[in-house]
Structures are given as C-alpha cells and as structure tokens.
Amino acid sequence: MYSTEQLSGILLTTASCKFHIVNVRSTRGWEPRFFVYIRPPQKMIEAICSTLDNENVSYSLIRERGRRSDTIIIRRRHSIFRICEIFPSFVPSKNTGWMKFKDLMKMVEEKTHLEEDSKYRFKVKIDEDEEKT
C-alpha cells in the first residue's frame, strides 16, 4: 500500500483524465461525463487498489485489448472529487489536461451544470485550450 503523497506521484505519471458532454433524454438534454484512468505497471496494481480503497475511492479494473496489465478506471463523482483533491496542482504531469479537468469538476461540484445555460459554459471551458494552440 502507498501513502497519499506517493499516490499523488503515481497519478502524476500514470493517470489520464477525460471530460465530455453527452446528449441524453432528460429535461436538460445533456449530461457531463468524466473519468480518470490509471495505467500502472502490473506489479503496482494491487498496491494502488488497496490505497484507493483506503482513500474511499471507487474504481474498476478493466483489461484492455493489446495491454498486458489492467487499467484502473474511476467513474463515480465522489471518487473523482477525491482524486482531484489528491492530485497536485501546478506541476507537469503525463496528461496536460488536468488543470482544465479539475476546473470542470469544480463546476460540477458546485452544481453549475444544473443551471440554465451551463452547457454553453462547459463547452467554452472545454474548448478554451484548443483555441490557444
């Protein structure tokens, strides 16, 4: 098992995040979807999973085609919030989108996604970095 500080270092080097908007049949017509996936070496998976259990983070192990080790996927909202707390800010990481992901998750945590024109604000935030490059 790893400490919380060690887990944050592991997240820096092996974790990636995804956030997108999906059209659904509901009153709003859309929902934010998000997940974090961790692709560590096989020998680290068991220790990472026990650390995530200790941090009250829900996860699932998925075997991806073409990979020799499992991928740890985190999808639940409260678990993603906890990962965002653990993940260090303002440091270089494997995935360049972590700062934007954390901003988007903060909007979800503040329930901004339930407001009237929130889809537009989410899309602006998602497309923000694409305009700079």
N, C-alpha and C. Protein backbone atom coordinates (compact mmCIF):
# COMPACT_ATOMS: atom_id res chain seq x y z
N MET A 1 0.84 -1.18 0.00
CA MET A 1 0.00 0.00 0.00
C MET A 1 0.89 1.25 0.00
N TYR A 2 0.43 2.27 -0.70
CA TYR A 2 1.16 3.53 -0.81
C TYR A 2 0.54 4.59 0.09
N SER A 3 1.32 5.61 0.42
CA SER A 3 0.78 6.75 1.17
C SER A 3 0.03 7.66 0.19
N THR A 4 -0.69 8.63 0.72
CA THR A 4 -1.42 9.58 -0.12
C THR A 4 -0.45 10.39 -0.99
N GLU A 5 0.69 10.76 -0.43
CA GLU A 5 1.69 11.52 -1.20
C GLU A 5 2.27 10.67 -2.32
N GLN A 6 2.52 9.40 -2.05
CA GLN A 6 3.02 8.51 -3.09
C GLN A 6 1.96 8.31 -4.16
N LEU A 7 0.69 8.21 -3.75
CA LEU A 7 -0.40 8.07 -4.72
C LEU A 7 -0.47 9.30 -5.63
N SER A 8 -0.24 10.48 -5.08
CA SER A 8 -0.27 11.68 -5.93
C SER A 8 0.85 11.63 -6.96
N GLY A 9 2.02 11.12 -6.59
CA GLY A 9 3.10 10.95 -7.56
C GLY A 9 2.77 9.92 -8.62
N ILE A 10 2.12 8.84 -8.21
CA ILE A 10 1.70 7.81 -9.16
C ILE A 10 0.68 8.38 -10.13
N LEU A 11 -0.24 9.19 -9.63
CA LEU A 11 -1.23 9.83 -10.50
C LEU A 11 -0.56 10.76 -11.51
N LEU A 12 0.47 11.48 -11.08
CA LEU A 12 1.20 12.37 -11.99
C LEU A 12 1.77 11.62 -13.19
N THR A 13 2.26 10.42 -12.95
CA THR A 13 2.97 9.70 -14.01
C THR A 13 2.14 8.67 -14.76
N THR A 14 1.02 8.22 -14.18
CA THR A 14 0.28 7.14 -14.84
C THR A 14 -1.19 7.43 -15.11
N ALA A 15 -1.72 8.54 -14.60
CA ALA A 15 -3.16 8.80 -14.73
C ALA A 15 -3.47 9.78 -15.86
N SER A 16 -4.61 9.53 -16.49
CA SER A 16 -5.15 10.43 -17.51
C SER A 16 -6.61 10.71 -17.17
N CYS A 17 -7.12 11.83 -17.64
CA CYS A 17 -8.50 12.21 -17.33
C CYS A 17 -9.25 12.53 -18.62
N LYS A 18 -10.55 12.31 -18.57
CA LYS A 18 -11.41 12.63 -19.71
C LYS A 18 -12.68 13.30 -19.19
N PHE A 19 -13.14 14.31 -19.92
CA PHE A 19 -14.39 15.01 -19.60
C PHE A 19 -15.06 15.35 -20.92
N HIS A 20 -16.31 14.97 -21.07
CA HIS A 20 -17.05 15.35 -22.27
C HIS A 20 -18.54 15.47 -21.94
N ILE A 21 -19.26 16.04 -22.88
CA ILE A 21 -20.69 16.27 -22.71
C ILE A 21 -21.43 15.30 -23.63
N VAL A 22 -22.45 14.65 -23.07
CA VAL A 22 -23.21 13.64 -23.81
C VAL A 22 -24.67 14.07 -23.88
N ASN A 23 -25.28 13.93 -25.04
CA ASN A 23 -26.70 14.20 -25.18
C ASN A 23 -27.49 13.02 -24.62
N VAL A 24 -28.47 13.31 -23.78
CA VAL A 24 -29.30 12.29 -23.16
C VAL A 24 -30.76 12.73 -23.19
N ARG A 25 -31.63 11.79 -22.95
CA ARG A 25 -33.06 12.11 -22.87
C ARG A 25 -33.38 12.50 -21.43
N SER A 26 -33.33 13.76 -21.16
CA SER A 26 -33.67 14.28 -19.84
C SER A 26 -34.20 15.69 -20.02
N THR A 27 -34.53 16.34 -18.93
CA THR A 27 -35.07 17.69 -19.03
C THR A 27 -34.05 18.67 -19.58
N ARG A 28 -32.76 18.47 -19.23
CA ARG A 28 -31.71 19.35 -19.74
C ARG A 28 -31.27 18.95 -21.14
N GLY A 29 -31.33 17.66 -21.45
CA GLY A 29 -30.92 17.18 -22.76
C GLY A 29 -29.44 16.83 -22.86
N TRP A 30 -28.70 16.98 -21.78
CA TRP A 30 -27.27 16.67 -21.80
C TRP A 30 -26.79 16.38 -20.38
N GLU A 31 -25.64 15.71 -20.30
CA GLU A 31 -25.01 15.43 -19.01
C GLU A 31 -23.50 15.46 -19.19
N PRO A 32 -22.79 15.90 -18.15
CA PRO A 32 -21.34 15.79 -18.21
C PRO A 32 -20.92 14.36 -17.88
N ARG A 33 -19.95 13.84 -18.59
CA ARG A 33 -19.39 12.52 -18.31
C ARG A 33 -17.90 12.69 -18.08
N PHE A 34 -17.39 11.98 -17.11
CA PHE A 34 -15.99 12.16 -16.74
C PHE A 34 -15.45 10.87 -16.15
N PHE A 35 -14.16 10.65 -16.33
CA PHE A 35 -13.50 9.53 -15.70
C PHE A 35 -12.01 9.74 -15.68
N VAL A 36 -11.36 9.02 -14.79
CA VAL A 36 -9.91 9.02 -14.66
C VAL A 36 -9.46 7.59 -14.87
N TYR A 37 -8.45 7.39 -15.69
CA TYR A 37 -7.91 6.04 -15.81
C TYR A 37 -6.43 6.05 -15.49
N ILE A 38 -6.03 5.01 -14.77
CA ILE A 38 -4.65 4.86 -14.31
C ILE A 38 -4.09 3.61 -14.96
N ARG A 39 -2.97 3.76 -15.63
CA ARG A 39 -2.33 2.63 -16.31
C ARG A 39 -0.95 2.36 -15.72
N PRO A 40 -0.92 1.73 -14.55
CA PRO A 40 0.37 1.44 -13.91
C PRO A 40 0.94 0.11 -14.40
N PRO A 41 2.20 -0.16 -14.09
CA PRO A 41 2.75 -1.49 -14.36
C PRO A 41 1.99 -2.54 -13.55
N GLN A 42 1.94 -3.76 -14.05
CA GLN A 42 1.18 -4.84 -13.42
C GLN A 42 1.55 -5.03 -11.94
N LYS A 43 2.82 -4.94 -11.62
CA LYS A 43 3.25 -5.20 -10.25
C LYS A 43 2.79 -4.14 -9.25
N MET A 44 2.30 -2.99 -9.73
CA MET A 44 1.83 -1.91 -8.84
C MET A 44 0.32 -1.92 -8.64
N ILE A 45 -0.41 -2.66 -9.43
CA ILE A 45 -1.87 -2.58 -9.42
C ILE A 45 -2.47 -2.93 -8.07
N GLU A 46 -2.04 -4.00 -7.48
CA GLU A 46 -2.62 -4.44 -6.20
C GLU A 46 -2.40 -3.39 -5.11
N ALA A 47 -1.21 -2.83 -5.03
CA ALA A 47 -0.92 -1.81 -4.01
C ALA A 47 -1.71 -0.53 -4.26
N ILE A 48 -1.83 -0.14 -5.53
CA ILE A 48 -2.62 1.06 -5.85
C ILE A 48 -4.09 0.84 -5.49
N CYS A 49 -4.61 -0.33 -5.80
CA CYS A 49 -6.01 -0.62 -5.48
C CYS A 49 -6.26 -0.59 -3.97
N SER A 50 -5.34 -1.11 -3.18
CA SER A 50 -5.53 -1.07 -1.73
C SER A 50 -5.43 0.37 -1.21
N THR A 51 -4.58 1.18 -1.82
CA THR A 51 -4.50 2.59 -1.44
C THR A 51 -5.79 3.33 -1.80
N LEU A 52 -6.33 3.05 -2.99
CA LEU A 52 -7.60 3.67 -3.39
C LEU A 52 -8.72 3.25 -2.45
N ASP A 53 -8.75 1.98 -2.05
CA ASP A 53 -9.75 1.52 -1.08
C ASP A 53 -9.60 2.30 0.23
N ASN A 54 -8.36 2.49 0.66
CA ASN A 54 -8.09 3.21 1.90
C ASN A 54 -8.53 4.68 1.81
N GLU A 55 -8.46 5.25 0.61
CA GLU A 55 -8.86 6.65 0.38
C GLU A 55 -10.36 6.77 0.05
N ASN A 56 -11.10 5.66 0.13
CA ASN A 56 -12.54 5.62 -0.19
C ASN A 56 -12.83 6.04 -1.63
N VAL A 57 -12.02 5.56 -2.55
CA VAL A 57 -12.19 5.84 -3.97
C VAL A 57 -12.71 4.57 -4.64
N SER A 58 -13.86 4.68 -5.30
CA SER A 58 -14.43 3.54 -6.03
C SER A 58 -13.76 3.44 -7.38
N TYR A 59 -13.45 2.23 -7.81
CA TYR A 59 -12.76 2.01 -9.07
C TYR A 59 -13.17 0.67 -9.65
N SER A 60 -12.80 0.45 -10.89
CA SER A 60 -12.97 -0.87 -11.50
C SER A 60 -11.72 -1.17 -12.32
N LEU A 61 -11.41 -2.45 -12.41
CA LEU A 61 -10.27 -2.90 -13.20
C LEU A 61 -10.79 -3.40 -14.54
N ILE A 62 -10.18 -2.95 -15.59
CA ILE A 62 -10.59 -3.34 -16.94
C ILE A 62 -9.37 -3.80 -17.72
N ARG A 63 -9.50 -4.92 -18.38
CA ARG A 63 -8.43 -5.43 -19.24
C ARG A 63 -8.65 -4.86 -20.63
N GLU A 64 -7.69 -4.08 -21.10
CA GLU A 64 -7.78 -3.50 -22.44
C GLU A 64 -7.07 -4.40 -23.43
N ARG A 65 -7.64 -4.50 -24.60
CA ARG A 65 -7.02 -5.31 -25.64
C ARG A 65 -5.67 -4.73 -26.01
N GLY A 66 -4.68 -5.59 -26.12
CA GLY A 66 -3.36 -5.14 -26.51
C GLY A 66 -2.48 -4.70 -25.36
N ARG A 67 -3.00 -4.74 -24.13
CA ARG A 67 -2.21 -4.38 -22.96
C ARG A 67 -2.02 -5.60 -22.08
N ARG A 68 -0.86 -5.70 -21.49
CA ARG A 68 -0.58 -6.85 -20.63
C ARG A 68 -1.07 -6.67 -19.21
N SER A 69 -1.35 -5.45 -18.81
CA SER A 69 -1.83 -5.22 -17.45
C SER A 69 -3.18 -4.51 -17.48
N ASP A 70 -3.86 -4.59 -16.37
CA ASP A 70 -5.19 -3.98 -16.26
C ASP A 70 -5.09 -2.47 -16.14
N THR A 71 -6.20 -1.81 -16.45
CA THR A 71 -6.33 -0.37 -16.29
C THR A 71 -7.31 -0.12 -15.15
N ILE A 72 -6.98 0.80 -14.28
CA ILE A 72 -7.87 1.17 -13.18
C ILE A 72 -8.69 2.37 -13.65
N ILE A 73 -10.03 2.22 -13.64
CA ILE A 73 -10.90 3.30 -14.10
C ILE A 73 -11.74 3.79 -12.92
N ILE A 74 -11.77 5.11 -12.77
CA ILE A 74 -12.54 5.75 -11.70
C ILE A 74 -13.61 6.60 -12.37
N ARG A 75 -14.89 6.30 -12.05
CA ARG A 75 -16.00 6.97 -12.70
C ARG A 75 -16.94 7.70 -11.76
N ARG A 76 -17.04 7.26 -10.53
CA ARG A 76 -18.01 7.85 -9.60
C ARG A 76 -17.62 9.27 -9.22
N ARG A 77 -18.63 10.11 -9.12
CA ARG A 77 -18.43 11.54 -8.88
C ARG A 77 -17.64 11.81 -7.61
N HIS A 78 -18.04 11.21 -6.48
CA HIS A 78 -17.33 11.48 -5.22
C HIS A 78 -15.89 10.98 -5.28
N SER A 79 -15.65 9.91 -6.03
CA SER A 79 -14.29 9.38 -6.18
C SER A 79 -13.44 10.32 -7.03
N ILE A 80 -14.03 10.86 -8.07
CA ILE A 80 -13.31 11.82 -8.92
C ILE A 80 -12.96 13.07 -8.11
N PHE A 81 -13.90 13.54 -7.28
CA PHE A 81 -13.61 14.70 -6.43
C PHE A 81 -12.42 14.40 -5.52
N ARG A 82 -12.37 13.19 -4.96
CA ARG A 82 -11.26 12.82 -4.07
C ARG A 82 -9.95 12.76 -4.84
N ILE A 83 -9.96 12.22 -6.06
CA ILE A 83 -8.75 12.17 -6.89
C ILE A 83 -8.28 13.59 -7.19
N CYS A 84 -9.21 14.51 -7.47
CA CYS A 84 -8.83 15.91 -7.73
C CYS A 84 -8.20 16.55 -6.50
N GLU A 85 -8.64 16.16 -5.31
CA GLU A 85 -8.01 16.67 -4.09
C GLU A 85 -6.59 16.14 -3.94
N ILE A 86 -6.39 14.87 -4.25
CA ILE A 86 -5.09 14.24 -4.09
C ILE A 86 -4.10 14.72 -5.15
N PHE A 87 -4.59 14.94 -6.37
CA PHE A 87 -3.72 15.30 -7.49
C PHE A 87 -3.09 16.67 -7.25
N PRO A 88 -1.76 16.77 -7.31
CA PRO A 88 -1.10 18.05 -7.06
C PRO A 88 -1.34 19.05 -8.19
N SER A 89 -1.49 20.30 -7.82
CA SER A 89 -1.73 21.36 -8.81
C SER A 89 -0.43 22.00 -9.27
N PHE A 90 -0.46 22.55 -10.45
CA PHE A 90 0.62 23.37 -11.00
C PHE A 90 1.96 22.62 -11.12
N VAL A 91 1.90 21.36 -11.44
CA VAL A 91 3.12 20.60 -11.71
C VAL A 91 2.93 19.86 -13.04
N PRO A 92 3.99 19.64 -13.79
CA PRO A 92 3.86 18.91 -15.04
C PRO A 92 3.42 17.47 -14.77
N SER A 93 2.57 16.95 -15.63
CA SER A 93 2.09 15.57 -15.47
C SER A 93 2.01 14.89 -16.82
N LYS A 94 1.69 13.61 -16.79
CA LYS A 94 1.57 12.82 -18.03
C LYS A 94 0.52 13.42 -18.96
N ASN A 95 -0.62 13.78 -18.41
CA ASN A 95 -1.73 14.32 -19.19
C ASN A 95 -1.77 15.83 -18.98
N THR A 96 -1.75 16.59 -20.06
CA THR A 96 -1.72 18.05 -19.96
C THR A 96 -3.07 18.66 -19.58
N GLY A 97 -4.14 17.87 -19.59
CA GLY A 97 -5.47 18.42 -19.35
C GLY A 97 -5.95 18.40 -17.92
N TRP A 98 -5.08 18.12 -16.96
CA TRP A 98 -5.52 18.00 -15.57
C TRP A 98 -6.05 19.31 -14.99
N MET A 99 -5.45 20.44 -15.28
CA MET A 99 -5.92 21.71 -14.71
C MET A 99 -7.33 22.03 -15.22
N LYS A 100 -7.55 21.84 -16.52
CA LYS A 100 -8.87 22.08 -17.08
C LYS A 100 -9.87 21.08 -16.51
N PHE A 101 -9.47 19.82 -16.36
CA PHE A 101 -10.33 18.78 -15.79
C PHE A 101 -10.73 19.15 -14.37
N LYS A 102 -9.77 19.61 -13.56
CA LYS A 102 -10.08 19.99 -12.19
C LYS A 102 -11.02 21.19 -12.14
N ASP A 103 -10.86 22.14 -13.07
CA ASP A 103 -11.77 23.29 -13.14
C ASP A 103 -13.18 22.83 -13.50
N LEU A 104 -13.29 21.92 -14.47
CA LEU A 104 -14.60 21.40 -14.87
C LEU A 104 -15.25 20.62 -13.73
N MET A 105 -14.48 19.83 -13.01
CA MET A 105 -15.02 19.07 -11.89
C MET A 105 -15.44 19.99 -10.75
N LYS A 106 -14.75 21.11 -10.59
CA LYS A 106 -15.16 22.10 -9.58
C LYS A 106 -16.52 22.68 -9.96
N MET A 107 -16.74 22.90 -11.26
CA MET A 107 -18.04 23.38 -11.72
C MET A 107 -19.12 22.34 -11.42
N VAL A 108 -18.81 21.07 -11.60
CA VAL A 108 -19.78 20.00 -11.30
C VAL A 108 -20.04 19.95 -9.80
N GLU A 109 -18.98 20.06 -9.00
CA GLU A 109 -19.13 20.01 -7.55
C GLU A 109 -19.99 21.17 -7.03
N GLU A 110 -19.87 22.32 -7.67
CA GLU A 110 -20.67 23.49 -7.29
C GLU A 110 -22.07 23.46 -7.92
N LYS A 111 -22.36 22.37 -8.64
CA LYS A 111 -23.65 22.15 -9.31
C LYS A 111 -23.96 23.19 -10.39
N THR A 112 -22.90 23.73 -10.97
CA THR A 112 -23.06 24.69 -12.06
C THR A 112 -23.73 24.03 -13.26
N HIS A 113 -23.52 22.73 -13.43
CA HIS A 113 -24.08 22.01 -14.58
C HIS A 113 -25.61 21.93 -14.53
N LEU A 114 -26.21 22.27 -13.41
CA LEU A 114 -27.67 22.23 -13.29
C LEU A 114 -28.33 23.57 -13.64
N GLU A 115 -27.52 24.59 -13.87
CA GLU A 115 -28.06 25.91 -14.18
C GLU A 115 -28.53 25.99 -15.62
N GLU A 116 -29.25 27.04 -15.94
CA GLU A 116 -29.93 27.19 -17.22
C GLU A 116 -29.02 27.08 -18.45
N ASP A 117 -28.04 27.94 -18.59
CA ASP A 117 -27.19 27.95 -19.79
C ASP A 117 -25.82 27.33 -19.53
N SER A 118 -25.78 26.36 -18.64
CA SER A 118 -24.50 25.80 -18.23
C SER A 118 -23.80 25.00 -19.33
N LYS A 119 -24.56 24.42 -20.25
CA LYS A 119 -23.93 23.66 -21.33
C LYS A 119 -22.98 24.55 -22.13
N TYR A 120 -23.40 25.77 -22.39
CA TYR A 120 -22.56 26.71 -23.11
C TYR A 120 -21.28 26.99 -22.33
N ARG A 121 -21.39 27.22 -21.01
CA ARG A 121 -20.20 27.50 -20.18
C ARG A 121 -19.25 26.31 -20.14
N PHE A 122 -19.79 25.10 -20.09
CA PHE A 122 -18.94 23.92 -20.11
C PHE A 122 -18.22 23.79 -21.44
N LYS A 123 -18.94 24.01 -22.54
CA LYS A 123 -18.31 23.90 -23.86
C LYS A 123 -17.23 24.95 -24.05
N VAL A 124 -17.47 26.16 -23.55
CA VAL A 124 -16.45 27.21 -23.63
C VAL A 124 -15.20 26.78 -22.88
N LYS A 125 -15.38 26.22 -21.68
CA LYS A 125 -14.25 25.77 -20.86
C LYS A 125 -13.52 24.60 -21.54
N ILE A 126 -14.26 23.68 -22.11
CA ILE A 126 -13.66 22.52 -22.78
C ILE A 126 -12.85 22.97 -23.99
N ASP A 127 -13.39 23.91 -24.77
CA ASP A 127 -12.72 24.38 -25.99
C ASP A 127 -11.67 25.44 -25.73
N GLU A 128 -11.55 25.91 -24.51
CA GLU A 128 -10.67 27.02 -24.15
C GLU A 128 -9.23 26.79 -24.58
N ASP A 129 -8.64 25.68 -24.23
CA ASP A 129 -7.23 25.42 -24.54
C ASP A 129 -7.00 25.13 -26.02
N GLU A 130 -8.02 24.61 -26.69
CA GLU A 130 -7.87 24.30 -28.11
C GLU A 130 -7.68 25.59 -28.93
N GLU A 131 -8.26 26.70 -28.48
CA GLU A 131 -8.13 27.97 -29.19
C GLU A 131 -6.74 28.55 -29.00
N LYS A 132 -6.11 28.28 -27.85
CA LYS A 132 -4.78 28.83 -27.56
C LYS A 132 -3.68 28.17 -28.39
N THR A 133 -3.89 26.91 -28.78
CA THR A 133 -2.84 26.19 -29.51
C THR A 133 -2.99 26.34 -31.00
